[in-house]
Amino acid sequence: MKNITLGSTGITVPQNGFGALPIQRISSDDAVTLLRRAYEGGMRFFDTARAYSDSEEKVGLALEIYPRNSYFLASKTAATTPEEFWTQLDTSLKLLKTDYLDIYQFHCAATAYRPGDGSGMYECMAEAKRLGKIRHIGITAHLLQVAFDAVDSRLYETIQFPFSYLSSDKEFDLVRKSRENQMGFIAMKGLAGGLINQAEPAMAFMAQFDNVLPIWGIQKASELDDWLAFMDKTPEMNDDIRSFIEKEKIDLAGDFCRGCGYCMPCPAGIMINQCARMSLMLRRAPSQNWLTEEIQEEMRKIENCLHCGQCSKKCPYELDTPALLEKNYEDYKKVLAGEVEV
């Protein structure tokens, strides 16, 4: 496993980060065990957020036994006012049991804040850095234009954006531009929200880049085992993996939901980021869990779609979301009727 440096930050870690969003779904004891296994296995970059319920608390409990200078912590704030910013930062520091964050990121930003824009938000980041509460200023986005604005501004030291072998040419351009501007690129959704179901090609793809740090969303020991196995023997791109990825791209060609959730909340209460990709999940990650009464009820909510267009307007991939919901619901009903096997 090669080490990479995140742009101009000087942060150098194995190209194998831990994304701590999923650990909010497991017990504290299980999360602590998982995180410590990740550290002992060589992972040194841990990414969480104030918005991930108790994720920060679990990360803090797990990592407090290790020297603070032996790992890197990144967290995020969804604050939109200076008052919220400072409250969230102090809470994150307390829960993570640390005096500083290596990277603090504006979370799922709707705009790339700048000094003097009237919001006061970038000034908060700069002041937090001056005070030593954070060491580097970052931003995360789902909207490509916001991401490009952040990179072009040269005000941020890292950008976090969805990136996988299913990414579009524009997303590849974003990675290249980040490298040119000496900006660290943190890749979220390296498994495309669950649509990519094999670790080896996903890792081989990421290993081609010397400026990209993937943060794998991990909540099970079996998932962690896959990534830790690559610490000693990292898969490299070869003809077989390249052919596999090309086939994957063909299979997933066209419009499909990445599950980012930027379209949420839905005024009709539809769980869009799951329902709009149910057909793919049934095919690529078959499980009876998709057919429970709870999920059936969620899918039935599609019948109440208002066709208001809000979801399509907010979709960073410019999808016709109502049409996707309808298509997925029709496919789902065929599975329930036994016309299609899971």
C-alpha atoms as a PDB file:
ATOM      1  CA  MET A   1       0.000   0.000   0.000  1.00  0.00           C
ATOM      2  CA  LYS A   2       1.503   3.298  -1.077  1.00  0.00           C
ATOM      3  CA  ASN A   3       1.345   6.460   0.990  1.00  0.00           C
ATOM      4  CA  ILE A   4      -0.159   9.586  -0.502  1.00  0.00           C
ATOM      5  CA  THR A   5       0.061  13.213   0.554  1.00  0.00           C
ATOM      6  CA  LEU A   6      -3.100  15.308   0.558  1.00  0.00           C
ATOM      7  CA  GLY A   7      -2.143  18.291  -1.559  1.00  0.00           C
ATOM      8  CA  SER A   8      -0.276  21.012   0.313  1.00  0.00           C
ATOM      9  CA  THR A   9      -1.397  19.814   3.773  1.00  0.00           C
ATOM     10  CA  GLY A  10       1.603  17.593   4.398  1.00  0.00           C
ATOM     11  CA  ILE A  11      -0.776  14.884   5.622  1.00  0.00           C
ATOM     12  CA  THR A  12       0.744  11.630   4.397  1.00  0.00           C
ATOM     13  CA  VAL A  13      -1.122   8.381   4.994  1.00  0.00           C
ATOM     14  CA  PRO A  14      -1.728   4.984   3.408  1.00  0.00           C
ATOM     15  CA  GLN A  15      -4.186   5.276   0.516  1.00  0.00           C
ATOM     16  CA  ASN A  16      -6.808   3.523   2.610  1.00  0.00           C
ATOM     17  CA  GLY A  17      -9.011   5.747   4.788  1.00  0.00           C
ATOM     18  CA  PHE A  18     -11.812   4.878   7.209  1.00  0.00           C
ATOM     19  CA  GLY A  19     -15.191   6.490   6.525  1.00  0.00           C
ATOM     20  CA  ALA A  20     -17.043   6.576   9.851  1.00  0.00           C
ATOM     21  CA  LEU A  21     -20.576   7.342   8.657  1.00  0.00           C
ATOM     22  CA  PRO A  22     -21.777   3.692   8.874  1.00  0.00           C
ATOM     23  CA  ILE A  23     -20.623   3.118  12.469  1.00  0.00           C
ATOM     24  CA  GLN A  24     -23.572   5.154  13.696  1.00  0.00           C
ATOM     25  CA  ARG A  25     -25.640   2.055  12.834  1.00  0.00           C
ATOM     26  CA  ILE A  26     -23.775  -0.317  15.181  1.00  0.00           C
ATOM     27  CA  SER A  27     -23.236  -0.482  18.939  1.00  0.00           C
ATOM     28  CA  SER A  28     -20.554   1.542  20.654  1.00  0.00           C
ATOM     29  CA  ASP A  29     -18.616  -1.586  21.639  1.00  0.00           C
ATOM     30  CA  ASP A  30     -18.701  -2.952  18.094  1.00  0.00           C
ATOM     31  CA  ALA A  31     -17.654   0.411  16.662  1.00  0.00           C
ATOM     32  CA  VAL A  32     -14.730   0.745  19.061  1.00  0.00           C
ATOM     33  CA  THR A  33     -13.556  -2.777  18.215  1.00  0.00           C
ATOM     34  CA  LEU A  34     -13.837  -2.058  14.487  1.00  0.00           C
ATOM     35  CA  LEU A  35     -11.983   1.255  14.658  1.00  0.00           C
ATOM     36  CA  ARG A  36      -9.160  -0.171  16.746  1.00  0.00           C
ATOM     37  CA  ARG A  37      -8.799  -3.085  14.332  1.00  0.00           C
ATOM     38  CA  ALA A  38      -8.536  -0.534  11.536  1.00  0.00           C
ATOM     39  CA  TYR A  39      -5.808   1.377  13.367  1.00  0.00           C
ATOM     40  CA  GLU A  40      -3.875  -1.764  14.302  1.00  0.00           C
ATOM     41  CA  GLY A  41      -4.154  -2.865  10.681  1.00  0.00           C
ATOM     42  CA  GLY A  42      -2.479   0.312   9.444  1.00  0.00           C
ATOM     43  CA  MET A  43      -5.280   2.772   8.685  1.00  0.00           C
ATOM     44  CA  ARG A  44      -4.354   6.266   9.809  1.00  0.00           C
ATOM     45  CA  PHE A  45      -7.037   8.565   8.375  1.00  0.00           C
ATOM     46  CA  PHE A  46     -10.485   8.671   9.957  1.00  0.00           C
ATOM     47  CA  ASP A  47     -13.309  10.801   8.568  1.00  0.00           C
ATOM     48  CA  THR A  48     -16.512  11.597  10.457  1.00  0.00           C
ATOM     49  CA  ALA A  49     -18.986  14.476  10.842  1.00  0.00           C
ATOM     50  CA  ARG A  50     -21.096  16.277  13.409  1.00  0.00           C
ATOM     51  CA  ALA A  51     -24.142  15.201  11.383  1.00  0.00           C
ATOM     52  CA  TYR A  52     -23.365  11.475  11.784  1.00  0.00           C
ATOM     53  CA  SER A  53     -25.278  11.168  15.103  1.00  0.00           C
ATOM     54  CA  ASP A  54     -22.902   9.373  17.524  1.00  0.00           C
ATOM     55  CA  SER A  55     -20.090   8.626  15.070  1.00  0.00           C
ATOM     56  CA  GLU A  56     -17.720  11.245  16.526  1.00  0.00           C
ATOM     57  CA  GLU A  57     -18.252   9.912  20.042  1.00  0.00           C
ATOM     58  CA  LYS A  58     -17.429   6.371  18.934  1.00  0.00           C
ATOM     59  CA  VAL A  59     -14.312   7.506  17.050  1.00  0.00           C
ATOM     60  CA  GLY A  60     -13.161   9.434  20.112  1.00  0.00           C
ATOM     61  CA  LEU A  61     -13.631   6.452  22.412  1.00  0.00           C
ATOM     62  CA  ALA A  62     -11.778   4.136  20.046  1.00  0.00           C
ATOM     63  CA  LEU A  63      -8.758   6.280  19.225  1.00  0.00           C
ATOM     64  CA  GLU A  64      -8.057   7.966  22.559  1.00  0.00           C
ATOM     65  CA  ILE A  65      -5.722   5.103  23.551  1.00  0.00           C
ATOM     66  CA  TYR A  66      -3.314   5.906  20.704  1.00  0.00           C
ATOM     67  CA  PRO A  67      -0.838   8.796  20.473  1.00  0.00           C
ATOM     68  CA  ARG A  68      -2.689  11.725  18.925  1.00  0.00           C
ATOM     69  CA  ASN A  69       0.114  12.418  16.444  1.00  0.00           C
ATOM     70  CA  SER A  70      -0.096   8.859  15.075  1.00  0.00           C
ATOM     71  CA  TYR A  71      -3.379   9.326  13.193  1.00  0.00           C
ATOM     72  CA  PHE A  72      -5.366  12.021  11.402  1.00  0.00           C
ATOM     73  CA  LEU A  73      -8.908  13.136  12.194  1.00  0.00           C
ATOM     74  CA  ALA A  74     -11.229  14.855   9.737  1.00  0.00           C
ATOM     75  CA  SER A  75     -14.691  16.025  10.681  1.00  0.00           C
ATOM     76  CA  LYS A  76     -17.331  18.265   9.162  1.00  0.00           C
ATOM     77  CA  THR A  77     -19.770  21.018  10.032  1.00  0.00           C
ATOM     78  CA  ALA A  78     -23.108  21.629   8.351  1.00  0.00           C
ATOM     79  CA  ALA A  79     -23.366  24.998  10.116  1.00  0.00           C
ATOM     80  CA  THR A  80     -24.635  27.954   8.119  1.00  0.00           C
ATOM     81  CA  THR A  81     -24.050  30.649  10.752  1.00  0.00           C
ATOM     82  CA  PRO A  82     -20.917  31.546  12.753  1.00  0.00           C
ATOM     83  CA  GLU A  83     -22.731  30.750  15.999  1.00  0.00           C
ATOM     84  CA  GLU A  84     -23.545  27.228  14.804  1.00  0.00           C
ATOM     85  CA  PHE A  85     -19.994  26.835  13.520  1.00  0.00           C
ATOM     86  CA  TRP A  86     -18.349  27.407  16.895  1.00  0.00           C
ATOM     87  CA  THR A  87     -20.894  25.299  18.767  1.00  0.00           C
ATOM     88  CA  GLN A  88     -20.419  22.377  16.385  1.00  0.00           C
ATOM     89  CA  LEU A  89     -16.628  22.647  16.375  1.00  0.00           C
ATOM     90  CA  ASP A  90     -16.417  22.653  20.179  1.00  0.00           C
ATOM     91  CA  THR A  91     -18.803  19.682  20.327  1.00  0.00           C
ATOM     92  CA  SER A  92     -16.753  17.744  17.776  1.00  0.00           C
ATOM     93  CA  LEU A  93     -13.503  18.392  19.653  1.00  0.00           C
ATOM     94  CA  LYS A  94     -15.063  17.268  22.924  1.00  0.00           C
ATOM     95  CA  LEU A  95     -16.565  14.070  21.491  1.00  0.00           C
ATOM     96  CA  LEU A  96     -13.424  13.192  19.536  1.00  0.00           C
ATOM     97  CA  LYS A  97     -11.356  13.746  22.702  1.00  0.00           C
ATOM     98  CA  THR A  98      -8.847  15.986  20.983  1.00  0.00           C
ATOM     99  CA  ASP A  99      -7.591  19.563  21.081  1.00  0.00           C
ATOM    100  CA  TYR A 100      -7.519  19.896  17.306  1.00  0.00           C
ATOM    101  CA  LEU A 101      -8.822  18.463  14.046  1.00  0.00           C
ATOM    102  CA  ASP A 102      -6.397  17.771  11.243  1.00  0.00           C
ATOM    103  CA  ILE A 103      -9.037  18.749   8.673  1.00  0.00           C
ATOM    104  CA  TYR A 104     -12.324  20.550   9.270  1.00  0.00           C
ATOM    105  CA  GLN A 105     -14.709  20.573   6.330  1.00  0.00           C
ATOM    106  CA  PHE A 106     -17.827  22.451   5.346  1.00  0.00           C
ATOM    107  CA  HIS A 107     -20.276  19.563   5.004  1.00  0.00           C
ATOM    108  CA  CYS A 108     -22.262  19.026   1.786  1.00  0.00           C
ATOM    109  CA  ALA A 109     -21.764  22.693   0.995  1.00  0.00           C
ATOM    110  CA  ALA A 110     -24.291  24.456  -1.193  1.00  0.00           C
ATOM    111  CA  THR A 111     -21.720  27.145  -1.929  1.00  0.00           C
ATOM    112  CA  ALA A 112     -17.955  27.538  -1.685  1.00  0.00           C
ATOM    113  CA  TYR A 113     -17.681  30.112   1.089  1.00  0.00           C
ATOM    114  CA  ARG A 114     -15.205  32.951   0.550  1.00  0.00           C
ATOM    115  CA  PRO A 115     -13.847  35.755   2.740  1.00  0.00           C
ATOM    116  CA  GLY A 116     -16.074  38.794   2.533  1.00  0.00           C
ATOM    117  CA  ASP A 117     -19.111  36.979   1.089  1.00  0.00           C
ATOM    118  CA  GLY A 118     -21.259  38.229   3.964  1.00  0.00           C
ATOM    119  CA  SER A 119     -21.791  34.846   5.616  1.00  0.00           C
ATOM    120  CA  GLY A 120     -18.777  35.003   7.919  1.00  0.00           C
ATOM    121  CA  MET A 121     -18.291  31.252   7.467  1.00  0.00           C
ATOM    122  CA  TYR A 122     -14.878  31.214   5.835  1.00  0.00           C
ATOM    123  CA  GLU A 123     -13.686  33.721   8.415  1.00  0.00           C
ATOM    124  CA  CYS A 124     -14.707  31.199  11.099  1.00  0.00           C
ATOM    125  CA  MET A 125     -12.545  28.536   9.490  1.00  0.00           C
ATOM    126  CA  ALA A 126      -9.593  30.907   9.252  1.00  0.00           C
ATOM    127  CA  GLU A 127      -9.981  31.923  12.905  1.00  0.00           C
ATOM    128  CA  ALA A 128     -10.275  28.298  14.050  1.00  0.00           C
ATOM    129  CA  LYS A 129      -7.054  27.560  12.197  1.00  0.00           C
ATOM    130  CA  ARG A 130      -5.326  30.579  13.753  1.00  0.00           C
ATOM    131  CA  LEU A 131      -6.398  29.364  17.192  1.00  0.00           C
ATOM    132  CA  GLY A 132      -4.991  25.900  16.518  1.00  0.00           C
ATOM    133  CA  LYS A 133      -8.365  24.180  16.798  1.00  0.00           C
ATOM    134  CA  ILE A 134      -8.063  22.961  13.211  1.00  0.00           C
ATOM    135  CA  ARG A 135      -4.996  22.522  11.047  1.00  0.00           C
ATOM    136  CA  HIS A 136      -6.432  22.498   7.545  1.00  0.00           C
ATOM    137  CA  ILE A 137      -9.565  23.870   5.882  1.00  0.00           C
ATOM    138  CA  GLY A 138     -11.610  21.534   3.698  1.00  0.00           C
ATOM    139  CA  ILE A 139     -14.963  21.305   1.991  1.00  0.00           C
ATOM    140  CA  THR A 140     -17.256  18.478   0.883  1.00  0.00           C
ATOM    141  CA  ALA A 141     -19.801  18.717  -1.906  1.00  0.00           C
ATOM    142  CA  HIS A 142     -22.157  16.696  -4.056  1.00  0.00           C
ATOM    143  CA  LEU A 143     -22.718  19.417  -6.627  1.00  0.00           C
ATOM    144  CA  LEU A 144     -19.993  19.531  -9.273  1.00  0.00           C
ATOM    145  CA  GLN A 145     -20.169  23.290  -9.724  1.00  0.00           C
ATOM    146  CA  VAL A 146     -19.657  23.880  -6.010  1.00  0.00           C
ATOM    147  CA  ALA A 147     -16.688  21.498  -6.063  1.00  0.00           C
ATOM    148  CA  PHE A 148     -15.111  23.256  -9.046  1.00  0.00           C
ATOM    149  CA  ASP A 149     -15.742  26.656  -7.427  1.00  0.00           C
ATOM    150  CA  ALA A 150     -13.936  25.447  -4.302  1.00  0.00           C
ATOM    151  CA  VAL A 151     -10.962  24.145  -6.267  1.00  0.00           C
ATOM    152  CA  ASP A 152     -10.769  27.279  -8.414  1.00  0.00           C
ATOM    153  CA  SER A 153     -10.860  29.520  -5.335  1.00  0.00           C
ATOM    154  CA  ARG A 154      -7.637  28.017  -3.932  1.00  0.00           C
ATOM    155  CA  LEU A 155      -9.059  28.802  -0.485  1.00  0.00           C
ATOM    156  CA  TYR A 156      -9.413  25.179   0.549  1.00  0.00           C
ATOM    157  CA  GLU A 157      -6.736  22.597   1.233  1.00  0.00           C
ATOM    158  CA  THR A 158      -8.889  19.534   0.612  1.00  0.00           C
ATOM    159  CA  ILE A 159     -12.007  18.708  -1.380  1.00  0.00           C
ATOM    160  CA  GLN A 160     -14.187  15.677  -0.636  1.00  0.00           C
ATOM    161  CA  PHE A 161     -16.389  14.482  -3.471  1.00  0.00           C
ATOM    162  CA  PRO A 162     -17.954  11.206  -4.727  1.00  0.00           C
ATOM    163  CA  PHE A 163     -15.452   9.335  -6.899  1.00  0.00           C
ATOM    164  CA  SER A 164     -15.338   5.775  -8.169  1.00  0.00           C
ATOM    165  CA  TYR A 165     -14.736   3.875 -11.393  1.00  0.00           C
ATOM    166  CA  LEU A 166     -18.310   4.759 -12.353  1.00  0.00           C
ATOM    167  CA  SER A 167     -17.541   8.481 -12.260  1.00  0.00           C
ATOM    168  CA  SER A 168     -18.089  10.743 -15.230  1.00  0.00           C
ATOM    169  CA  ASP A 169     -15.449  12.607 -17.240  1.00  0.00           C
ATOM    170  CA  LYS A 170     -16.301  15.784 -15.318  1.00  0.00           C
ATOM    171  CA  GLU A 171     -15.404  14.094 -12.041  1.00  0.00           C
ATOM    172  CA  PHE A 172     -12.101  12.932 -13.503  1.00  0.00           C
ATOM    173  CA  ASP A 173     -11.496  16.561 -14.504  1.00  0.00           C
ATOM    174  CA  LEU A 174     -12.150  17.602 -10.908  1.00  0.00           C
ATOM    175  CA  VAL A 175      -9.500  15.174  -9.659  1.00  0.00           C
ATOM    176  CA  ARG A 176      -6.995  16.475 -12.211  1.00  0.00           C
ATOM    177  CA  LYS A 177      -7.721  20.097 -11.367  1.00  0.00           C
ATOM    178  CA  SER A 178      -7.372  19.392  -7.653  1.00  0.00           C
ATOM    179  CA  ARG A 179      -3.945  17.928  -8.277  1.00  0.00           C
ATOM    180  CA  GLU A 180      -2.895  20.925 -10.398  1.00  0.00           C
ATOM    181  CA  ASN A 181      -3.987  23.285  -7.610  1.00  0.00           C
ATOM    182  CA  GLN A 182      -2.189  21.222  -4.933  1.00  0.00           C
ATOM    183  CA  MET A 183      -5.478  20.433  -3.255  1.00  0.00           C
ATOM    184  CA  GLY A 184      -5.944  17.092  -1.513  1.00  0.00           C
ATOM    185  CA  PHE A 185      -8.773  14.973  -2.933  1.00  0.00           C
ATOM    186  CA  ILE A 186     -10.739  12.794  -0.496  1.00  0.00           C
ATOM    187  CA  ALA A 187     -12.914  10.296  -2.354  1.00  0.00           C
ATOM    188  CA  MET A 188     -16.238   9.469  -0.758  1.00  0.00           C
ATOM    189  CA  LYS A 189     -18.608   6.842  -2.154  1.00  0.00           C
ATOM    190  CA  GLY A 190     -15.791   4.819  -3.660  1.00  0.00           C
ATOM    191  CA  LEU A 191     -18.299   1.961  -3.923  1.00  0.00           C
ATOM    192  CA  ALA A 192     -20.921   4.223  -5.539  1.00  0.00           C
ATOM    193  CA  GLY A 193     -23.248   3.892  -2.592  1.00  0.00           C
ATOM    194  CA  GLY A 194     -23.199   0.074  -2.719  1.00  0.00           C
ATOM    195  CA  LEU A 195     -23.531  -0.402  -6.481  1.00  0.00           C
ATOM    196  CA  ILE A 196     -19.891  -1.501  -6.678  1.00  0.00           C
ATOM    197  CA  ASN A 197     -19.767  -4.820  -4.849  1.00  0.00           C
ATOM    198  CA  GLN A 198     -16.164  -5.974  -5.264  1.00  0.00           C
ATOM    199  CA  ALA A 199     -13.322  -4.436  -3.292  1.00  0.00           C
ATOM    200  CA  GLU A 200     -10.425  -5.467  -5.542  1.00  0.00           C
ATOM    201  CA  PRO A 201     -11.347  -3.449  -8.674  1.00  0.00           C
ATOM    202  CA  ALA A 202     -12.426  -0.520  -6.494  1.00  0.00           C
ATOM    203  CA  MET A 203      -9.011  -0.436  -4.813  1.00  0.00           C
ATOM    204  CA  ALA A 204      -7.096  -1.008  -8.055  1.00  0.00           C
ATOM    205  CA  PHE A 205      -8.924   1.959  -9.573  1.00  0.00           C
ATOM    206  CA  MET A 206      -8.029   4.273  -6.681  1.00  0.00           C
ATOM    207  CA  ALA A 207      -4.402   3.119  -6.664  1.00  0.00           C
ATOM    208  CA  GLN A 208      -3.924   4.694 -10.101  1.00  0.00           C
ATOM    209  CA  PHE A 209      -4.082   8.177  -8.561  1.00  0.00           C
ATOM    210  CA  ASP A 210      -1.337   9.773  -6.486  1.00  0.00           C
ATOM    211  CA  ASN A 211      -3.566  12.526  -5.055  1.00  0.00           C
ATOM    212  CA  VAL A 212      -6.727  10.619  -4.116  1.00  0.00           C
ATOM    213  CA  LEU A 213      -7.486   9.249  -0.649  1.00  0.00           C
ATOM    214  CA  PRO A 214     -10.520   6.936  -0.588  1.00  0.00           C
ATOM    215  CA  ILE A 215     -12.480   6.741   2.654  1.00  0.00           C
ATOM    216  CA  TRP A 216     -14.321   3.437   2.657  1.00  0.00           C
ATOM    217  CA  GLY A 217     -17.613   3.375   4.562  1.00  0.00           C
ATOM    218  CA  ILE A 218     -17.153   0.484   6.999  1.00  0.00           C
ATOM    219  CA  GLN A 219     -19.519  -1.042   9.538  1.00  0.00           C
ATOM    220  CA  LYS A 220     -18.663  -4.774   9.488  1.00  0.00           C
ATOM    221  CA  ALA A 221     -15.514  -6.718  10.313  1.00  0.00           C
ATOM    222  CA  SER A 222     -15.797  -8.565   6.994  1.00  0.00           C
ATOM    223  CA  GLU A 223     -15.761  -5.236   5.119  1.00  0.00           C
ATOM    224  CA  LEU A 224     -12.740  -4.049   7.075  1.00  0.00           C
ATOM    225  CA  ASP A 225     -10.916  -7.307   6.349  1.00  0.00           C
ATOM    226  CA  ASP A 226     -11.144  -6.613   2.613  1.00  0.00           C
ATOM    227  CA  TRP A 227      -9.450  -3.223   2.916  1.00  0.00           C
ATOM    228  CA  LEU A 228      -6.830  -4.300   5.462  1.00  0.00           C
ATOM    229  CA  ALA A 229      -5.808  -7.200   3.205  1.00  0.00           C
ATOM    230  CA  PHE A 230      -4.709  -4.581   0.666  1.00  0.00           C
ATOM    231  CA  MET A 231      -2.242  -2.977   3.077  1.00  0.00           C
ATOM    232  CA  ASP A 232       0.289  -5.702   2.312  1.00  0.00           C
ATOM    233  CA  LYS A 233      -0.795  -6.529  -1.218  1.00  0.00           C
ATOM    234  CA  THR A 234      -2.549  -3.739  -3.046  1.00  0.00           C
ATOM    235  CA  PRO A 235      -4.305  -4.794  -6.266  1.00  0.00           C
ATOM    236  CA  GLU A 236      -2.960  -3.130  -9.388  1.00  0.00           C
ATOM    237  CA  MET A 237      -4.839  -2.291 -12.531  1.00  0.00           C
ATOM    238  CA  ASN A 238      -4.407  -5.019 -15.133  1.00  0.00           C
ATOM    239  CA  ASP A 239      -6.209  -6.197 -18.246  1.00  0.00           C
ATOM    240  CA  ASP A 240      -8.614  -8.435 -16.314  1.00  0.00           C
ATOM    241  CA  ILE A 241      -9.638  -5.695 -13.869  1.00  0.00           C
ATOM    242  CA  ARG A 242      -9.819  -3.154 -16.671  1.00  0.00           C
ATOM    243  CA  SER A 243     -12.155  -5.421 -18.647  1.00  0.00           C
ATOM    244  CA  PHE A 244     -14.277  -6.006 -15.565  1.00  0.00           C
ATOM    245  CA  ILE A 245     -14.646  -2.260 -14.963  1.00  0.00           C
ATOM    246  CA  GLU A 246     -15.579  -1.635 -18.582  1.00  0.00           C
ATOM    247  CA  LYS A 247     -18.290  -4.287 -18.316  1.00  0.00           C
ATOM    248  CA  GLU A 248     -19.526  -2.673 -15.110  1.00  0.00           C
ATOM    249  CA  LYS A 249     -19.780   0.671 -16.859  1.00  0.00           C
ATOM    250  CA  ILE A 250     -21.837  -0.900 -19.645  1.00  0.00           C
ATOM    251  CA  ASP A 251     -24.122  -2.663 -17.152  1.00  0.00           C
ATOM    252  CA  LEU A 252     -24.675   0.596 -15.288  1.00  0.00           C
ATOM    253  CA  ALA A 253     -24.840   2.839 -18.322  1.00  0.00           C
ATOM    254  CA  GLY A 254     -27.555   5.442 -18.399  1.00  0.00           C
ATOM    255  CA  ASP A 255     -29.342   7.152 -15.574  1.00  0.00           C
ATOM    256  CA  PHE A 256     -29.018   5.677 -12.111  1.00  0.00           C
ATOM    257  CA  CYS A 257     -29.265   7.046  -8.601  1.00  0.00           C
ATOM    258  CA  ARG A 258     -25.977   7.192  -6.672  1.00  0.00           C
ATOM    259  CA  GLY A 259     -27.785   7.398  -3.331  1.00  0.00           C
ATOM    260  CA  CYS A 260     -26.173  10.683  -2.281  1.00  0.00           C
ATOM    261  CA  GLY A 261     -29.386  11.979  -0.706  1.00  0.00           C
ATOM    262  CA  TYR A 262     -28.943  15.525  -1.936  1.00  0.00           C
ATOM    263  CA  CYS A 263     -32.567  15.396  -3.148  1.00  0.00           C
ATOM    264  CA  MET A 264     -33.867  14.848   0.362  1.00  0.00           C
ATOM    265  CA  PRO A 265     -36.131  15.531   2.137  1.00  0.00           C
ATOM    266  CA  CYS A 266     -39.050  14.627  -0.104  1.00  0.00           C
ATOM    267  CA  PRO A 267     -42.323  16.516   0.600  1.00  0.00           C
ATOM    268  CA  ALA A 268     -44.203  13.240   0.035  1.00  0.00           C
ATOM    269  CA  GLY A 269     -41.960  11.401   2.509  1.00  0.00           C
ATOM    270  CA  ILE A 270     -40.361   9.142  -0.115  1.00  0.00           C
ATOM    271  CA  MET A 271     -36.943   7.703   0.812  1.00  0.00           C
ATOM    272  CA  ILE A 272     -35.657   8.717  -2.613  1.00  0.00           C
ATOM    273  CA  ASN A 273     -31.988   7.808  -2.135  1.00  0.00           C
ATOM    274  CA  GLN A 274     -32.969   4.148  -1.635  1.00  0.00           C
ATOM    275  CA  CYS A 275     -36.195   3.832  -3.595  1.00  0.00           C
ATOM    276  CA  ALA A 276     -34.807   5.375  -6.794  1.00  0.00           C
ATOM    277  CA  ARG A 277     -32.124   2.688  -7.066  1.00  0.00           C
ATOM    278  CA  MET A 278     -33.967  -0.328  -5.696  1.00  0.00           C
ATOM    279  CA  SER A 279     -33.803  -2.215  -9.016  1.00  0.00           C
ATOM    280  CA  LEU A 280     -30.017  -2.000  -9.041  1.00  0.00           C
ATOM    281  CA  MET A 281     -29.695  -2.956  -5.390  1.00  0.00           C
ATOM    282  CA  LEU A 282     -31.902  -6.010  -5.922  1.00  0.00           C
ATOM    283  CA  ARG A 283     -29.740  -7.064  -8.844  1.00  0.00           C
ATOM    284  CA  ARG A 284     -26.298  -6.211  -7.498  1.00  0.00           C
ATOM    285  CA  ALA A 285     -26.754  -6.782  -3.771  1.00  0.00           C
ATOM    286  CA  PRO A 286     -29.627  -9.300  -3.592  1.00  0.00           C
ATOM    287  CA  SER A 287     -31.083  -9.740  -0.138  1.00  0.00           C
ATOM    288  CA  GLN A 288     -34.434 -10.564   1.390  1.00  0.00           C
ATOM    289  CA  ASN A 289     -33.929  -7.433   3.494  1.00  0.00           C
ATOM    290  CA  TRP A 290     -35.071  -5.415   0.471  1.00  0.00           C
ATOM    291  CA  LEU A 291     -38.440  -7.203   0.639  1.00  0.00           C
ATOM    292  CA  THR A 292     -39.401  -6.595   4.265  1.00  0.00           C
ATOM    293  CA  GLU A 293     -42.726  -4.980   5.147  1.00  0.00           C
ATOM    294  CA  GLU A 294     -40.857  -1.800   6.097  1.00  0.00           C
ATOM    295  CA  ILE A 295     -39.183  -1.488   2.700  1.00  0.00           C
ATOM    296  CA  GLN A 296     -42.405  -2.391   0.898  1.00  0.00           C
ATOM    297  CA  GLU A 297     -44.120   0.438   2.739  1.00  0.00           C
ATOM    298  CA  GLU A 298     -41.334   2.831   1.713  1.00  0.00           C
ATOM    299  CA  MET A 299     -41.711   1.774  -1.919  1.00  0.00           C
ATOM    300  CA  ARG A 300     -45.487   2.233  -1.807  1.00  0.00           C
ATOM    301  CA  LYS A 301     -44.945   5.881  -0.922  1.00  0.00           C
ATOM    302  CA  ILE A 302     -43.879   6.368  -4.548  1.00  0.00           C
ATOM    303  CA  GLU A 303     -47.588   6.208  -5.392  1.00  0.00           C
ATOM    304  CA  ASN A 304     -47.924   9.525  -3.547  1.00  0.00           C
ATOM    305  CA  CYS A 305     -45.264  11.322  -5.590  1.00  0.00           C
ATOM    306  CA  LEU A 306     -46.331  14.942  -6.078  1.00  0.00           C
ATOM    307  CA  HIS A 307     -44.274  15.359  -9.267  1.00  0.00           C
ATOM    308  CA  CYS A 308     -43.225  18.703  -7.809  1.00  0.00           C
ATOM    309  CA  GLY A 309     -39.775  18.467  -9.406  1.00  0.00           C
ATOM    310  CA  GLN A 310     -37.882  19.477  -6.269  1.00  0.00           C
ATOM    311  CA  CYS A 311     -35.785  16.298  -6.300  1.00  0.00           C
ATOM    312  CA  SER A 312     -34.762  16.739  -9.938  1.00  0.00           C
ATOM    313  CA  LYS A 313     -33.757  20.353  -9.345  1.00  0.00           C
ATOM    314  CA  LYS A 314     -31.509  19.342  -6.435  1.00  0.00           C
ATOM    315  CA  CYS A 315     -29.987  16.273  -8.104  1.00  0.00           C
ATOM    316  CA  PRO A 316     -26.263  16.863  -8.820  1.00  0.00           C
ATOM    317  CA  TYR A 317     -26.481  14.313 -11.646  1.00  0.00           C
ATOM    318  CA  GLU A 318     -29.471  16.030 -13.298  1.00  0.00           C
ATOM    319  CA  LEU A 319     -31.604  12.886 -13.145  1.00  0.00           C
ATOM    320  CA  ASP A 320     -35.312  12.686 -13.897  1.00  0.00           C
ATOM    321  CA  THR A 321     -35.924  11.417 -10.383  1.00  0.00           C
ATOM    322  CA  PRO A 322     -39.727  10.983 -10.548  1.00  0.00           C
ATOM    323  CA  ALA A 323     -39.300   8.807 -13.652  1.00  0.00           C
ATOM    324  CA  LEU A 324     -36.592   6.765 -11.899  1.00  0.00           C
ATOM    325  CA  LEU A 325     -38.850   6.261  -8.885  1.00  0.00           C
ATOM    326  CA  GLU A 326     -41.691   5.049 -11.086  1.00  0.00           C
ATOM    327  CA  LYS A 327     -39.443   2.639 -12.989  1.00  0.00           C
ATOM    328  CA  ASN A 328     -37.975   1.213  -9.799  1.00  0.00           C
ATOM    329  CA  TYR A 329     -41.420   0.781  -8.284  1.00  0.00           C
ATOM    330  CA  GLU A 330     -42.643  -1.156 -11.305  1.00  0.00           C
ATOM    331  CA  ASP A 331     -39.584  -3.418 -11.155  1.00  0.00           C
ATOM    332  CA  TYR A 332     -40.080  -3.897  -7.433  1.00  0.00           C
ATOM    333  CA  LYS A 333     -43.699  -4.965  -7.842  1.00  0.00           C
ATOM    334  CA  LYS A 334     -42.575  -7.606 -10.359  1.00  0.00           C
ATOM    335  CA  VAL A 335     -40.147  -9.005  -7.776  1.00  0.00           C
ATOM    336  CA  LEU A 336     -42.880  -9.123  -5.131  1.00  0.00           C
ATOM    337  CA  ALA A 337     -45.195 -10.873  -7.588  1.00  0.00           C
ATOM    338  CA  GLY A 338     -42.530 -13.502  -8.262  1.00  0.00           C
ATOM    339  CA  GLU A 339     -42.138 -12.493 -11.894  1.00  0.00           C
ATOM    340  CA  VAL A 340     -38.458 -11.703 -11.278  1.00  0.00           C
ATOM    341  CA  GLU A 341     -36.198 -13.607  -8.880  1.00  0.00           C
ATOM    342  CA  VAL A 342     -33.931 -11.890  -6.358  1.00  0.00           C
END
